[in-house]
Amino acid sequence: MSTQSSPQDPGQPAGQTASLHYGDGEFAVLSAGAFVRCAVSGAAIPLTALRYWSVERQEAYAGPGEYLAAAGR
């Protein structure tokens, strides 16, 4: 999967950070954007690739490792 990079910061997705409400098995976009930030690593996660989040904490995670790290906090 390729992501368009921002000319100001190569390696980061182009566009704005989205604001989401995380629900059970789905999320709702509160303010439009191309990506969210991982609560653990700070990595940009394109909305099309977002698979891990916490409903209770309302946080997104880049992958299962980050989710488990957050669960241990």
N, C-alpha and C. Protein backbone atom coordinates (compact mmCIF):
# COMPACT_ATOMS: atom_id res chain seq x y z
N MET A 1 0.84 -1.17 0.00
CA MET A 1 0.00 0.00 0.00
C MET A 1 0.89 1.23 0.00
N SER A 2 0.67 2.13 -0.91
CA SER A 2 1.47 3.35 -0.95
C SER A 2 0.69 4.50 -0.36
N THR A 3 1.41 5.38 0.29
CA THR A 3 0.78 6.56 0.88
C THR A 3 1.44 7.78 0.27
N GLN A 4 0.65 8.77 -0.04
CA GLN A 4 1.19 10.00 -0.58
C GLN A 4 1.87 10.74 0.56
N SER A 5 3.11 11.18 0.35
CA SER A 5 3.85 11.89 1.38
C SER A 5 3.63 13.38 1.26
N SER A 6 3.74 14.03 2.40
CA SER A 6 3.63 15.48 2.45
C SER A 6 4.93 16.09 1.98
N PRO A 7 4.90 17.14 1.15
CA PRO A 7 6.14 17.76 0.70
C PRO A 7 6.90 18.42 1.85
N GLN A 8 6.21 18.84 2.92
CA GLN A 8 6.87 19.47 4.04
C GLN A 8 7.60 18.45 4.92
N ASP A 9 7.10 17.25 5.01
CA ASP A 9 7.65 16.23 5.89
C ASP A 9 7.61 14.88 5.19
N PRO A 10 8.64 14.57 4.39
CA PRO A 10 8.64 13.29 3.67
C PRO A 10 8.47 12.11 4.63
N GLY A 11 7.68 11.14 4.21
CA GLY A 11 7.42 9.98 5.04
C GLY A 11 6.14 10.09 5.85
N GLN A 12 5.58 11.28 5.93
CA GLN A 12 4.32 11.48 6.63
C GLN A 12 3.20 11.57 5.61
N PRO A 13 2.02 11.03 5.91
CA PRO A 13 0.91 11.12 4.97
C PRO A 13 0.52 12.57 4.72
N ALA A 14 0.09 12.84 3.50
CA ALA A 14 -0.39 14.18 3.17
C ALA A 14 -1.76 14.37 3.80
N GLY A 15 -2.09 15.58 4.15
CA GLY A 15 -3.41 15.88 4.69
C GLY A 15 -3.38 16.16 6.17
N GLN A 16 -4.56 16.35 6.71
CA GLN A 16 -4.72 16.70 8.12
C GLN A 16 -5.00 15.48 8.98
N THR A 17 -4.76 15.65 10.27
CA THR A 17 -5.10 14.62 11.23
C THR A 17 -6.61 14.60 11.43
N ALA A 18 -7.20 13.43 11.39
CA ALA A 18 -8.64 13.27 11.61
C ALA A 18 -8.93 13.19 13.11
N SER A 19 -10.14 13.52 13.47
CA SER A 19 -10.63 13.33 14.84
C SER A 19 -11.73 12.27 14.75
N LEU A 20 -11.59 11.21 15.56
CA LEU A 20 -12.52 10.09 15.47
C LEU A 20 -13.17 9.79 16.82
N HIS A 21 -14.33 9.17 16.77
CA HIS A 21 -14.94 8.55 17.95
C HIS A 21 -14.87 7.05 17.70
N TYR A 22 -14.19 6.33 18.62
CA TYR A 22 -13.97 4.90 18.45
C TYR A 22 -15.09 4.12 19.13
N GLY A 23 -15.75 3.26 18.36
CA GLY A 23 -16.81 2.41 18.88
C GLY A 23 -16.43 0.95 18.79
N ASP A 24 -17.33 0.08 19.14
CA ASP A 24 -17.10 -1.36 19.06
C ASP A 24 -17.11 -1.81 17.61
N GLY A 25 -15.95 -2.08 17.04
CA GLY A 25 -15.83 -2.58 15.68
C GLY A 25 -15.99 -1.54 14.60
N GLU A 26 -16.13 -0.28 14.96
CA GLU A 26 -16.26 0.79 13.97
C GLU A 26 -15.85 2.11 14.60
N PHE A 27 -15.60 3.08 13.76
CA PHE A 27 -15.30 4.42 14.26
C PHE A 27 -16.08 5.43 13.44
N ALA A 28 -16.35 6.58 14.05
CA ALA A 28 -17.05 7.67 13.38
C ALA A 28 -16.10 8.85 13.23
N VAL A 29 -16.09 9.45 12.07
CA VAL A 29 -15.23 10.61 11.81
C VAL A 29 -15.92 11.86 12.35
N LEU A 30 -15.29 12.51 13.32
CA LEU A 30 -15.82 13.74 13.90
C LEU A 30 -15.33 14.97 13.13
N SER A 31 -14.05 14.92 12.71
CA SER A 31 -13.54 15.96 11.81
C SER A 31 -12.66 15.28 10.79
N ALA A 32 -12.86 15.65 9.54
CA ALA A 32 -12.21 14.97 8.41
C ALA A 32 -10.69 15.11 8.47
N GLY A 33 -10.04 14.10 7.98
CA GLY A 33 -8.59 14.08 7.89
C GLY A 33 -8.15 12.80 7.22
N ALA A 34 -6.87 12.72 6.91
CA ALA A 34 -6.33 11.56 6.20
C ALA A 34 -5.82 10.47 7.14
N PHE A 35 -5.49 10.85 8.38
CA PHE A 35 -4.86 9.89 9.29
C PHE A 35 -5.11 10.29 10.74
N VAL A 36 -4.78 9.36 11.65
CA VAL A 36 -4.74 9.62 13.09
C VAL A 36 -3.35 9.23 13.57
N ARG A 37 -3.01 9.62 14.77
CA ARG A 37 -1.71 9.29 15.36
C ARG A 37 -1.85 8.16 16.37
N CYS A 38 -0.88 7.25 16.35
CA CYS A 38 -0.83 6.17 17.32
C CYS A 38 -0.56 6.77 18.70
N ALA A 39 -1.35 6.36 19.70
CA ALA A 39 -1.21 6.88 21.05
C ALA A 39 0.08 6.45 21.73
N VAL A 40 0.71 5.39 21.23
CA VAL A 40 1.93 4.87 21.83
C VAL A 40 3.17 5.36 21.09
N SER A 41 3.20 5.18 19.77
CA SER A 41 4.40 5.50 18.99
C SER A 41 4.37 6.87 18.34
N GLY A 42 3.18 7.44 18.19
CA GLY A 42 3.06 8.71 17.49
C GLY A 42 3.05 8.58 15.98
N ALA A 43 3.11 7.34 15.48
CA ALA A 43 3.12 7.10 14.03
C ALA A 43 1.79 7.51 13.41
N ALA A 44 1.86 8.02 12.19
CA ALA A 44 0.65 8.36 11.45
C ALA A 44 0.01 7.07 10.93
N ILE A 45 -1.30 6.93 11.12
CA ILE A 45 -2.04 5.76 10.67
C ILE A 45 -3.12 6.23 9.70
N PRO A 46 -2.98 5.91 8.41
CA PRO A 46 -4.04 6.28 7.46
C PRO A 46 -5.36 5.63 7.90
N LEU A 47 -6.46 6.34 7.74
CA LEU A 47 -7.74 5.80 8.17
C LEU A 47 -8.06 4.47 7.49
N THR A 48 -7.61 4.30 6.26
CA THR A 48 -7.87 3.04 5.54
C THR A 48 -7.10 1.87 6.15
N ALA A 49 -6.07 2.15 6.96
CA ALA A 49 -5.27 1.09 7.56
C ALA A 49 -5.54 0.93 9.06
N LEU A 50 -6.42 1.74 9.62
CA LEU A 50 -6.69 1.71 11.06
C LEU A 50 -7.45 0.44 11.44
N ARG A 51 -6.84 -0.39 12.30
CA ARG A 51 -7.45 -1.65 12.72
C ARG A 51 -7.47 -1.82 14.24
N TYR A 52 -6.67 -1.04 14.96
CA TYR A 52 -6.54 -1.23 16.41
C TYR A 52 -6.84 0.08 17.13
N TRP A 53 -7.77 0.00 18.10
CA TRP A 53 -8.08 1.17 18.92
C TRP A 53 -8.71 0.71 20.22
N SER A 54 -8.81 1.63 21.16
CA SER A 54 -9.46 1.37 22.44
C SER A 54 -10.71 2.23 22.53
N VAL A 55 -11.84 1.57 22.72
CA VAL A 55 -13.11 2.28 22.92
C VAL A 55 -13.05 3.02 24.26
N GLU A 56 -12.55 2.35 25.28
CA GLU A 56 -12.49 2.92 26.63
C GLU A 56 -11.59 4.15 26.69
N ARG A 57 -10.41 4.06 26.08
CA ARG A 57 -9.45 5.17 26.12
C ARG A 57 -9.61 6.16 24.98
N GLN A 58 -10.39 5.78 23.95
CA GLN A 58 -10.56 6.61 22.75
C GLN A 58 -9.19 6.95 22.15
N GLU A 59 -8.38 5.88 21.93
CA GLU A 59 -7.04 6.01 21.35
C GLU A 59 -6.89 5.04 20.19
N ALA A 60 -6.07 5.45 19.22
CA ALA A 60 -5.73 4.59 18.08
C ALA A 60 -4.34 4.01 18.29
N TYR A 61 -4.10 2.83 17.70
CA TYR A 61 -2.80 2.16 17.80
C TYR A 61 -2.36 1.69 16.42
N ALA A 62 -1.05 1.77 16.16
CA ALA A 62 -0.51 1.38 14.86
C ALA A 62 -0.58 -0.12 14.62
N GLY A 63 -0.59 -0.92 15.67
CA GLY A 63 -0.64 -2.37 15.51
C GLY A 63 -0.89 -3.06 16.83
N PRO A 64 -0.87 -4.39 16.83
CA PRO A 64 -1.17 -5.14 18.05
C PRO A 64 -0.14 -4.92 19.16
N GLY A 65 1.12 -4.72 18.79
CA GLY A 65 2.16 -4.47 19.80
C GLY A 65 1.91 -3.19 20.57
N GLU A 66 1.52 -2.15 19.85
CA GLU A 66 1.23 -0.87 20.49
C GLU A 66 -0.02 -0.97 21.36
N TYR A 67 -1.02 -1.73 20.87
CA TYR A 67 -2.24 -1.94 21.67
C TYR A 67 -1.89 -2.62 22.99
N LEU A 68 -1.08 -3.68 22.93
CA LEU A 68 -0.70 -4.41 24.14
C LEU A 68 0.14 -3.54 25.07
N ALA A 69 1.01 -2.71 24.50
CA ALA A 69 1.83 -1.79 25.33
C ALA A 69 0.92 -0.82 26.07
N ALA A 70 -0.10 -0.30 25.40
CA ALA A 70 -1.03 0.63 26.02
C ALA A 70 -1.87 -0.07 27.09
N ALA A 71 -2.23 -1.31 26.86
CA ALA A 71 -3.04 -2.06 27.81
C ALA A 71 -2.28 -2.30 29.10
N GLY A 72 -0.95 -2.33 29.01
CA GLY A 72 -0.11 -2.56 30.18
C GLY A 72 0.18 -1.30 30.98
N ARG A 73 -0.27 -0.15 30.49
CA ARG A 73 0.00 1.11 31.22
C ARG A 73 -0.78 1.20 32.49
